[in-house]
C-alpha atoms as a PDB file:
ATOM      1  CA  MET A   1      38.284  -5.364 -61.226  1.00  0.00           C
ATOM      2  CA  PRO A   2      40.154  -7.859 -59.029  1.00  0.00           C
ATOM      3  CA  ILE A   3      38.023 -10.289 -57.149  1.00  0.00           C
ATOM      4  CA  ARG A   4      39.314  -9.010 -53.787  1.00  0.00           C
ATOM      5  CA  ASP A   5      38.429  -5.373 -54.587  1.00  0.00           C
ATOM      6  CA  TRP A   6      35.027  -6.481 -55.880  1.00  0.00           C
ATOM      7  CA  ALA A   7      34.367  -8.388 -52.641  1.00  0.00           C
ATOM      8  CA  VAL A   8      35.397  -5.418 -50.550  1.00  0.00           C
ATOM      9  CA  SER A   9      33.177  -3.080 -52.584  1.00  0.00           C
ATOM     10  CA  THR A  10      30.271  -5.499 -52.244  1.00  0.00           C
ATOM     11  CA  GLY A  11      30.904  -5.712 -48.497  1.00  0.00           C
ATOM     12  CA  SER A  12      30.983  -1.939 -48.308  1.00  0.00           C
ATOM     13  CA  LEU A  13      27.623  -1.696 -50.096  1.00  0.00           C
ATOM     14  CA  THR A  14      26.157  -4.367 -47.792  1.00  0.00           C
ATOM     15  CA  ALA A  15      27.365  -2.524 -44.698  1.00  0.00           C
ATOM     16  CA  ILE A  16      25.758   0.681 -45.943  1.00  0.00           C
ATOM     17  CA  LEU A  17      22.437  -1.091 -46.520  1.00  0.00           C
ATOM     18  CA  VAL A  18      22.547  -2.764 -43.096  1.00  0.00           C
ATOM     19  CA  THR A  19      23.361   0.535 -41.470  1.00  0.00           C
ATOM     20  CA  SER A  20      20.452   2.238 -43.188  1.00  0.00           C
ATOM     21  CA  VAL A  21      18.038  -0.448 -41.982  1.00  0.00           C
ATOM     22  CA  LEU A  22      19.247  -0.742 -38.409  1.00  0.00           C
ATOM     23  CA  LEU A  23      19.666   2.901 -37.490  1.00  0.00           C
ATOM     24  CA  PRO A  24      16.437   4.478 -36.152  1.00  0.00           C
ATOM     25  CA  VAL A  25      14.430   6.804 -38.318  1.00  0.00           C
ATOM     26  CA  SER A  26      14.679   9.588 -35.741  1.00  0.00           C
ATOM     27  CA  GLY A  27      18.423   9.730 -36.365  1.00  0.00           C
ATOM     28  CA  ALA A  28      18.174  10.116 -40.169  1.00  0.00           C
ATOM     29  CA  HIS A  29      20.344  13.227 -40.295  1.00  0.00           C
ATOM     30  CA  ALA A  30      23.021  11.564 -38.179  1.00  0.00           C
ATOM     31  CA  GLN A  31      22.961   8.560 -40.512  1.00  0.00           C
ATOM     32  CA  GLU A  32      23.439  10.714 -43.583  1.00  0.00           C
ATOM     33  CA  ASP A  33      26.337  12.557 -41.957  1.00  0.00           C
ATOM     34  CA  ALA A  34      28.000   9.291 -40.947  1.00  0.00           C
ATOM     35  CA  ILE A  35      27.572   7.748 -44.411  1.00  0.00           C
ATOM     36  CA  ALA A  36      28.856  10.884 -46.118  1.00  0.00           C
ATOM     37  CA  ARG A  37      31.864  10.965 -43.830  1.00  0.00           C
ATOM     38  CA  CYS A  38      32.649   7.304 -44.383  1.00  0.00           C
ATOM     39  CA  ARG A  39      32.462   7.669 -48.174  1.00  0.00           C
ATOM     40  CA  THR A  40      35.444  10.019 -48.053  1.00  0.00           C
ATOM     41  CA  ALA A  41      37.650   7.295 -46.611  1.00  0.00           C
ATOM     42  CA  ALA A  42      40.608   6.405 -48.832  1.00  0.00           C
ATOM     43  CA  THR A  43      40.073   2.651 -49.033  1.00  0.00           C
ATOM     44  CA  ALA A  44      37.175   0.225 -48.931  1.00  0.00           C
ATOM     45  CA  GLU A  45      38.504  -1.263 -45.685  1.00  0.00           C
ATOM     46  CA  ALA A  46      38.513   2.189 -44.090  1.00  0.00           C
ATOM     47  CA  ARG A  47      34.985   2.867 -45.272  1.00  0.00           C
ATOM     48  CA  ILE A  48      33.746  -0.398 -43.763  1.00  0.00           C
ATOM     49  CA  ALA A  49      35.542   0.315 -40.487  1.00  0.00           C
ATOM     50  CA  CYS A  50      34.050   3.817 -40.418  1.00  0.00           C
ATOM     51  CA  LEU A  51      30.537   2.494 -40.956  1.00  0.00           C
ATOM     52  CA  GLU A  52      30.993  -0.131 -38.243  1.00  0.00           C
ATOM     53  CA  ASP A  53      32.160   2.535 -35.776  1.00  0.00           C
ATOM     54  CA  ALA A  54      29.166   4.706 -36.636  1.00  0.00           C
ATOM     55  CA  LEU A  55      26.813   1.766 -36.133  1.00  0.00           C
ATOM     56  CA  ARG A  56      28.309   0.945 -32.721  1.00  0.00           C
ATOM     57  CA  ALA A  57      28.131   4.581 -31.636  1.00  0.00           C
ATOM     58  CA  ASP A  58      24.494   4.801 -32.652  1.00  0.00           C
ATOM     59  CA  SER A  59      23.686   1.603 -30.754  1.00  0.00           C
ATOM     60  CA  ARG A  60      25.209   3.053 -27.592  1.00  0.00           C
ATOM     61  CA  GLU A  61      23.059   6.152 -27.902  1.00  0.00           C
ATOM     62  CA  ASP A  62      19.908   4.008 -28.142  1.00  0.00           C
ATOM     63  CA  VAL A  63      20.506   2.326 -24.783  1.00  0.00           C
ATOM     64  CA  VAL A  64      18.059   3.549 -22.172  1.00  0.00           C
ATOM     65  CA  GLU A  65      19.091   3.215 -18.547  1.00  0.00           C
ATOM     66  CA  THR A  66      16.693   1.240 -16.420  1.00  0.00           C
ATOM     67  CA  PRO A  67      15.608   2.958 -13.180  1.00  0.00           C
ATOM     68  CA  GLN A  68      16.903   1.373 -10.025  1.00  0.00           C
ATOM     69  CA  THR A  69      13.400   0.522  -8.959  1.00  0.00           C
ATOM     70  CA  ALA A  70      12.942  -1.590 -12.082  1.00  0.00           C
ATOM     71  CA  GLU A  71      16.243  -3.427 -11.534  1.00  0.00           C
ATOM     72  CA  THR A  72      15.333  -4.374  -7.976  1.00  0.00           C
ATOM     73  CA  GLY A  73      11.788  -5.333  -8.859  1.00  0.00           C
ATOM     74  CA  GLN A  74      10.281  -2.693  -6.582  1.00  0.00           C
ATOM     75  CA  ARG A  75       6.859  -1.335  -7.370  1.00  0.00           C
ATOM     76  CA  ARG A  76       5.918   2.262  -7.029  1.00  0.00           C
ATOM     77  CA  GLY A  77       2.533   2.921  -5.497  1.00  0.00           C
ATOM     78  CA  PHE A  78       0.707   5.810  -3.953  1.00  0.00           C
ATOM     79  CA  ARG A  79      -0.486   6.763  -0.550  1.00  0.00           C
ATOM     80  CA  LEU A  80      -3.239   9.079   0.562  1.00  0.00           C
ATOM     81  CA  PRO A  81      -1.831  10.763   3.664  1.00  0.00           C
ATOM     82  CA  GLY A  82      -3.980  11.867   6.491  1.00  0.00           C
ATOM     83  CA  LEU A  83      -6.897   9.473   5.963  1.00  0.00           C
ATOM     84  CA  PRO A  84      -8.209   7.825   9.160  1.00  0.00           C
ATOM     85  CA  PHE A  85      -7.825   4.057   9.011  1.00  0.00           C
ATOM     86  CA  GLY A  86      -8.403   3.383  12.722  1.00  0.00           C
ATOM     87  CA  ASN A  87     -10.024   0.108  13.685  1.00  0.00           C
ATOM     88  CA  ARG A  88     -13.442  -0.222  15.214  1.00  0.00           C
ATOM     89  CA  GLU A  89     -12.152  -0.333  18.788  1.00  0.00           C
ATOM     90  CA  GLN A  90     -10.220   2.892  18.249  1.00  0.00           C
ATOM     91  CA  ARG A  91     -13.246   4.678  16.795  1.00  0.00           C
ATOM     92  CA  ASP A  92     -15.472   3.452  19.619  1.00  0.00           C
ATOM     93  CA  SER A  93     -12.933   4.610  22.191  1.00  0.00           C
ATOM     94  CA  GLU A  94     -12.710   8.041  20.620  1.00  0.00           C
ATOM     95  CA  GLY A  95     -16.501   8.278  20.528  1.00  0.00           C
ATOM     96  CA  ALA A  96     -16.731   7.303  24.197  1.00  0.00           C
ATOM     97  CA  VAL A  97     -14.214   9.982  25.154  1.00  0.00           C
ATOM     98  CA  ALA A  98     -16.168  12.592  23.202  1.00  0.00           C
ATOM     99  CA  ALA A  99     -19.457  11.534  24.808  1.00  0.00           C
ATOM    100  CA  GLN A 100     -17.899  11.620  28.271  1.00  0.00           C
ATOM    101  CA  ALA A 101     -16.555  15.100  27.608  1.00  0.00           C
ATOM    102  CA  ASP A 102     -20.037  16.249  26.595  1.00  0.00           C
ATOM    103  CA  GLU A 103     -21.496  14.920  29.844  1.00  0.00           C
ATOM    104  CA  THR A 104     -19.018  16.839  31.992  1.00  0.00           C
ATOM    105  CA  MET A 105     -19.538  20.123  30.163  1.00  0.00           C
ATOM    106  CA  PRO A 106     -22.377  22.333  31.391  1.00  0.00           C
ATOM    107  CA  PRO A 107     -25.078  23.420  28.939  1.00  0.00           C
ATOM    108  CA  VAL A 108     -24.251  26.575  27.056  1.00  0.00           C
ATOM    109  CA  ASP A 109     -26.490  29.590  26.711  1.00  0.00           C
ATOM    110  CA  GLY A 110     -26.758  32.571  24.432  1.00  0.00           C
ATOM    111  CA  LEU A 111     -27.272  32.852  20.711  1.00  0.00           C
ATOM    112  CA  GLY A 112     -27.047  29.459  18.968  1.00  0.00           C
ATOM    113  CA  ALA A 113     -26.879  27.563  22.274  1.00  0.00           C
ATOM    114  CA  GLU A 114     -29.708  25.247  21.219  1.00  0.00           C
ATOM    115  CA  GLN A 115     -27.591  23.913  18.345  1.00  0.00           C
ATOM    116  CA  VAL A 116     -24.616  23.128  20.583  1.00  0.00           C
ATOM    117  CA  ASN A 117     -26.764  21.427  23.214  1.00  0.00           C
ATOM    118  CA  ALA A 118     -28.666  19.445  20.572  1.00  0.00           C
ATOM    119  CA  ARG A 119     -25.401  18.279  19.023  1.00  0.00           C
ATOM    120  CA  ARG A 120     -24.122  17.068  22.391  1.00  0.00           C
ATOM    121  CA  SER A 121     -27.379  15.277  23.134  1.00  0.00           C
ATOM    122  CA  ASN A 122     -27.370  13.598  19.735  1.00  0.00           C
ATOM    123  CA  ARG A 123     -23.773  12.442  20.203  1.00  0.00           C
ATOM    124  CA  ARG A 124     -24.649  10.823  23.527  1.00  0.00           C
ATOM    125  CA  SER A 125     -27.669   9.109  21.970  1.00  0.00           C
ATOM    126  CA  VAL A 126     -25.588   7.734  19.103  1.00  0.00           C
ATOM    127  CA  GLN A 127     -22.978   6.448  21.542  1.00  0.00           C
ATOM    128  CA  LEU A 128     -25.597   4.677  23.656  1.00  0.00           C
ATOM    129  CA  ALA A 129     -27.235   3.147  20.576  1.00  0.00           C
ATOM    130  CA  ALA A 130     -23.886   1.855  19.328  1.00  0.00           C
ATOM    131  CA  ALA A 131     -23.170   0.291  22.706  1.00  0.00           C
ATOM    132  CA  GLU A 132     -26.559  -1.422  22.686  1.00  0.00           C
ATOM    133  CA  ASP A 133     -26.022  -2.756  19.171  1.00  0.00           C
ATOM    134  CA  ASP A 134     -22.624  -4.224  20.052  1.00  0.00           C
ATOM    135  CA  ARG A 135     -24.020  -6.599  22.665  1.00  0.00           C
ATOM    136  CA  VAL A 136     -27.322  -8.275  23.497  1.00  0.00           C
ATOM    137  CA  ASP A 137     -28.115  -9.554  26.985  1.00  0.00           C
ATOM    138  CA  SER A 138     -31.368 -11.418  27.402  1.00  0.00           C
ATOM    139  CA  ALA A 139     -33.055 -14.289  29.160  1.00  0.00           C
ATOM    140  CA  ILE A 140     -33.495 -17.472  27.164  1.00  0.00           C
ATOM    141  CA  ALA A 141     -37.226 -17.968  26.659  1.00  0.00           C
ATOM    142  CA  ALA A 142     -36.920 -21.347  24.939  1.00  0.00           C
ATOM    143  CA  PHE A 143     -34.430 -23.643  23.308  1.00  0.00           C
ATOM    144  CA  GLU A 144     -34.525 -26.796  21.261  1.00  0.00           C
ATOM    145  CA  VAL A 145     -32.034 -29.318  19.964  1.00  0.00           C
ATOM    146  CA  ILE A 146     -31.803 -29.487  16.182  1.00  0.00           C
ATOM    147  CA  PRO A 147     -29.959 -32.052  13.998  1.00  0.00           C
ATOM    148  CA  TYR A 148     -26.331 -32.766  14.849  1.00  0.00           C
ATOM    149  CA  GLU A 149     -26.994 -31.785  18.486  1.00  0.00           C
ATOM    150  CA  ARG A 150     -26.981 -28.094  17.764  1.00  0.00           C
ATOM    151  CA  LEU A 151     -28.934 -25.497  19.690  1.00  0.00           C
ATOM    152  CA  GLU A 152     -31.639 -23.140  18.505  1.00  0.00           C
ATOM    153  CA  ILE A 153     -32.286 -20.486  21.114  1.00  0.00           C
ATOM    154  CA  THR A 154     -35.196 -18.074  21.391  1.00  0.00           C
ATOM    155  CA  LEU A 155     -34.506 -15.017  23.518  1.00  0.00           C
ATOM    156  CA  ALA A 156     -37.005 -13.102  25.620  1.00  0.00           C
ATOM    157  CA  ASN A 157     -36.683 -10.152  23.215  1.00  0.00           C
ATOM    158  CA  GLY A 158     -37.984 -12.322  20.351  1.00  0.00           C
ATOM    159  CA  GLN A 159     -34.673 -12.926  18.579  1.00  0.00           C
ATOM    160  CA  VAL A 160     -33.893 -16.480  17.460  1.00  0.00           C
ATOM    161  CA  TRP A 161     -30.284 -17.627  17.181  1.00  0.00           C
ATOM    162  CA  ARG A 162     -29.039 -20.951  15.849  1.00  0.00           C
ATOM    163  CA  GLN A 163     -25.722 -22.677  16.459  1.00  0.00           C
ATOM    164  CA  ILE A 164     -23.847 -22.811  13.147  1.00  0.00           C
ATOM    165  CA  SER A 165     -22.934 -26.132  11.562  1.00  0.00           C
ATOM    166  CA  ALA A 166     -19.215 -25.350  11.730  1.00  0.00           C
ATOM    167  CA  ASP A 167     -19.398 -25.243  15.543  1.00  0.00           C
ATOM    168  CA  ASN A 168     -19.166 -28.805  16.841  1.00  0.00           C
ATOM    169  CA  GLN A 169     -19.585 -28.060  20.544  1.00  0.00           C
ATOM    170  CA  ARG A 170     -22.200 -30.268  22.173  1.00  0.00           C
ATOM    171  CA  VAL A 171     -23.709 -27.838  24.664  1.00  0.00           C
ATOM    172  CA  ALA A 172     -27.292 -29.009  24.161  1.00  0.00           C
ATOM    173  CA  THR A 173     -26.760 -32.145  26.247  1.00  0.00           C
ATOM    174  CA  ARG A 174     -25.954 -30.013  29.284  1.00  0.00           C
ATOM    175  CA  MET A 175     -29.097 -27.874  29.193  1.00  0.00           C
ATOM    176  CA  ARG A 176     -32.267 -28.746  31.106  1.00  0.00           C
ATOM    177  CA  GLN A 177     -35.774 -27.642  30.233  1.00  0.00           C
ATOM    178  CA  ASN A 178     -36.690 -26.902  33.859  1.00  0.00           C
ATOM    179  CA  ARG A 179     -33.870 -24.411  34.385  1.00  0.00           C
ATOM    180  CA  ASP A 180     -33.612 -20.725  33.594  1.00  0.00           C
ATOM    181  CA  TYR A 181     -30.767 -19.501  31.421  1.00  0.00           C
ATOM    182  CA  THR A 182     -29.513 -16.151  30.229  1.00  0.00           C
ATOM    183  CA  ALA A 183     -27.440 -15.368  27.166  1.00  0.00           C
ATOM    184  CA  SER A 184     -25.010 -12.683  26.060  1.00  0.00           C
ATOM    185  CA  ILE A 185     -24.397 -12.241  22.348  1.00  0.00           C
ATOM    186  CA  GLN A 186     -21.711 -10.167  20.707  1.00  0.00           C
ATOM    187  CA  GLU A 187     -19.652 -10.049  17.540  1.00  0.00           C
ATOM    188  CA  GLY A 188     -16.655 -12.381  17.459  1.00  0.00           C
ATOM    189  CA  ARG A 189     -13.111 -11.159  16.925  1.00  0.00           C
ATOM    190  CA  LEU A 190     -12.841 -13.072  13.645  1.00  0.00           C
ATOM    191  CA  GLY A 191     -16.330 -12.231  12.429  1.00  0.00           C
ATOM    192  CA  GLY A 192     -19.676 -13.857  13.039  1.00  0.00           C
ATOM    193  CA  TYR A 193     -21.411 -13.890  16.419  1.00  0.00           C
ATOM    194  CA  GLN A 194     -20.816 -15.645  19.710  1.00  0.00           C
ATOM    195  CA  LEU A 195     -23.494 -16.588  22.214  1.00  0.00           C
ATOM    196  CA  ARG A 196     -22.510 -17.186  25.806  1.00  0.00           C
ATOM    197  CA  ILE A 197     -24.788 -19.240  28.012  1.00  0.00           C
ATOM    198  CA  ASN A 198     -23.909 -17.556  31.268  1.00  0.00           C
ATOM    199  CA  GLU A 199     -25.039 -20.306  33.655  1.00  0.00           C
ATOM    200  CA  LEU A 200     -22.886 -22.887  31.838  1.00  0.00           C
ATOM    201  CA  SER A 201     -19.980 -20.557  31.035  1.00  0.00           C
ATOM    202  CA  ARG A 202     -20.018 -21.952  27.509  1.00  0.00           C
ATOM    203  CA  ILE A 203     -19.718 -20.013  24.252  1.00  0.00           C
ATOM    204  CA  ILE A 204     -21.068 -21.185  20.915  1.00  0.00           C
ATOM    205  CA  ARG A 205     -20.962 -19.602  17.483  1.00  0.00           C
ATOM    206  CA  VAL A 206     -24.374 -18.640  16.202  1.00  0.00           C
ATOM    207  CA  GLU A 207     -26.309 -16.991  13.402  1.00  0.00           C
ATOM    208  CA  ARG A 208     -29.505 -15.051  13.728  1.00  0.00           C
ATOM    209  CA  ILE A 209     -32.424 -16.567  11.848  1.00  0.00           C
ATOM    210  CA  ARG A 210     -35.291 -14.442  13.191  1.00  0.00           C
END
């Protein structure tokens, strides 16, 4: 056999082996059909060309299109529609409106009236309790200056509040033991609690310790 024909035959055998390895197992029948078809080619060059075409065609079929969301880097999430995510102010406002509506409505009578009236009364009580919890107004029974010129304040209701270390306001130097003071305490917008010394019009950040 001439060297050239032997090289072509060897190349043909190599191409067949490469094709068998590279093509996916799921396409085994397609591989066999392609190999059988290529074997009928008249020359070794034609067989090699046939196998190369079959390999390229199979590679094109294996390409999976990427969704547009993957190309743009977008992430798909989920949403739970209809869930109330209102803030605290919104919920309080809605509760106040409901309580006000209950107050303007006359008591009902008839069968089951006691349940309706009890529900309205309970709603008003809850609203009043929430309003009381949101703010504390009390006279200052005593105060003392603690390290770093911070204040520790005892209210007439027995609560003790201390100026936090992160608050560097020096209000203690302005307070006098022979004067009467009142305080208003409420939750701050960014968390924590604020105490207002009404007579000084000064606000300090505090924590309750007792």
